[in-house]
Amino acid sequence: MKRQVSYQWRLREVMATRGIFAASDLSPLLAERGIELSSVQVWRLVTQTPERLSLPVLAALCDILEVTPTDLIATRAENVAPRRTAASGADVVDLASTIRPKRARITPDS
């Protein structure tokens, strides 16, 4: 059985509980900790779920918001049933052996 792992980025929720409601309010706080991000990068960090995140940025966010990484990232893992495949032999038709093209015959017009 396979396990599917997913996560939820909760930065915006945690920011709201700390009274920070705008992404622009986060930029100077990150800069104080040596993290220089453009306003667009900070906005994406707040509004979207990041695919990659550097540990210095994560550490700075945890310091600013006084939380741990588990407060910012909610993880979930669940079992996934294997995909069902067609039963071998019973209802499967081998088209290569049953459907064969017929050779064309060209006859002269008489």
Protein backbone atom coordinates (compact mmCIF):
# COMPACT_ATOMS: atom_id res chain seq x y z
CA MET A 1 0.00 0.00 0.00
CA LYS A 2 1.35 3.41 -0.94
CA ARG A 3 1.26 6.52 1.23
CA GLN A 4 0.40 9.91 -0.16
CA VAL A 5 1.92 12.86 1.67
CA SER A 6 0.54 16.40 1.40
CA TYR A 7 0.97 19.66 3.27
CA GLN A 8 -0.85 22.90 3.90
CA TRP A 9 0.98 26.23 4.10
CA ARG A 10 -0.56 28.22 6.96
CA LEU A 11 1.53 31.42 6.92
CA ARG A 12 -1.40 33.73 6.23
CA GLU A 13 -3.44 32.26 9.11
CA VAL A 14 -0.55 32.52 11.56
CA MET A 15 0.18 36.09 10.45
CA ALA A 16 -3.45 37.04 11.11
CA THR A 17 -3.31 35.63 14.64
CA ARG A 18 -0.27 37.87 15.27
CA GLY A 19 -1.96 40.98 13.87
CA ILE A 20 -0.04 41.07 10.58
CA PHE A 21 -2.54 41.29 7.74
CA ALA A 22 -0.52 42.57 4.76
CA ALA A 23 2.39 40.94 2.98
CA SER A 24 4.09 44.35 2.81
CA ASP A 25 4.25 44.39 6.64
CA LEU A 26 6.37 41.24 6.54
CA SER A 27 9.15 42.60 4.27
CA PRO A 28 10.86 44.90 6.83
CA LEU A 29 10.65 42.20 9.49
CA LEU A 30 12.40 39.75 7.17
CA ALA A 31 15.01 42.39 6.25
CA GLU A 32 15.82 42.88 9.97
CA ARG A 33 16.78 39.20 10.02
CA GLY A 34 18.94 39.38 6.89
CA ILE A 35 16.38 38.00 4.44
CA GLU A 36 16.17 40.26 1.39
CA LEU A 37 13.14 39.33 -0.74
CA SER A 38 11.35 41.47 -3.29
CA SER A 39 7.80 42.57 -2.57
CA VAL A 40 6.53 40.09 -5.16
CA GLN A 41 8.44 37.22 -3.54
CA VAL A 42 7.01 38.10 -0.12
CA TRP A 43 3.51 38.38 -1.59
CA ARG A 44 3.85 34.93 -3.20
CA LEU A 45 5.19 33.50 0.05
CA VAL A 46 2.11 34.77 1.88
CA THR A 47 -0.60 34.06 -0.71
CA GLN A 48 0.59 30.85 -2.35
CA THR A 49 1.85 27.48 -1.19
CA PRO A 50 5.61 27.33 -1.81
CA GLU A 51 7.09 24.32 -3.59
CA ARG A 52 10.54 25.09 -2.16
CA LEU A 53 11.48 27.11 0.88
CA SER A 54 14.97 27.86 2.17
CA LEU A 55 15.68 27.09 5.79
CA PRO A 56 16.91 30.64 6.57
CA VAL A 57 13.55 32.04 5.35
CA LEU A 58 11.64 29.45 7.38
CA ALA A 59 13.74 30.21 10.46
CA ALA A 60 13.15 33.96 10.02
CA LEU A 61 9.40 33.46 9.67
CA CYS A 62 9.35 31.32 12.81
CA ASP A 63 11.31 33.99 14.69
CA ILE A 64 9.07 36.84 13.48
CA LEU A 65 5.84 35.04 14.31
CA GLU A 66 7.21 33.23 17.41
CA VAL A 67 6.08 29.83 16.17
CA THR A 68 7.64 26.52 15.17
CA PRO A 69 7.74 25.08 11.63
CA THR A 70 4.90 22.70 12.55
CA ASP A 71 2.68 25.73 13.14
CA LEU A 72 3.40 27.01 9.62
CA ILE A 73 3.27 23.67 7.79
CA ALA A 74 0.45 21.22 8.49
CA THR A 75 1.32 17.81 7.07
CA ARG A 76 -0.93 14.88 6.27
CA ALA A 77 -0.13 11.32 5.17
CA GLU A 78 -2.73 8.77 4.14
CA ASN A 79 -2.83 5.35 2.59
CA VAL A 80 -3.73 5.20 -1.08
CA ALA A 81 -5.34 2.11 -2.54
CA PRO A 82 -3.49 0.69 -5.54
CA ARG A 83 -4.98 1.41 -8.93
CA ARG A 84 -7.14 -1.34 -10.32
CA THR A 85 -6.02 -2.83 -13.58
CA ALA A 86 -7.91 -4.86 -16.15
CA ALA A 87 -8.19 -8.55 -15.38
CA SER A 88 -5.73 -10.47 -17.48
CA GLY A 89 -7.31 -12.75 -20.05
CA ALA A 90 -11.01 -12.66 -19.14
CA ASP A 91 -12.40 -9.57 -20.90
CA VAL A 92 -9.28 -8.47 -22.74
CA VAL A 93 -9.35 -8.73 -26.53
CA ASP A 94 -6.06 -8.87 -28.39
CA LEU A 95 -6.75 -6.55 -31.32
CA ALA A 96 -3.48 -7.41 -33.04
CA SER A 97 -4.62 -10.99 -33.63
CA THR A 98 -8.32 -10.38 -34.31
CA ILE A 99 -8.33 -7.28 -36.49
CA ARG A 100 -5.94 -7.41 -39.40
CA PRO A 101 -6.00 -5.08 -42.37
CA LYS A 102 -6.75 -6.68 -45.74
CA ARG A 103 -4.42 -6.16 -48.63
CA ALA A 104 -5.85 -3.96 -51.35
CA ARG A 105 -6.11 -5.40 -54.85
CA ILE A 106 -5.84 -3.11 -57.80
CA THR A 107 -7.50 -4.38 -60.94
CA PRO A 108 -7.31 -2.72 -64.35
CA ASP A 109 -10.54 -1.26 -65.72
CA SER A 110 -11.70 -3.51 -68.56
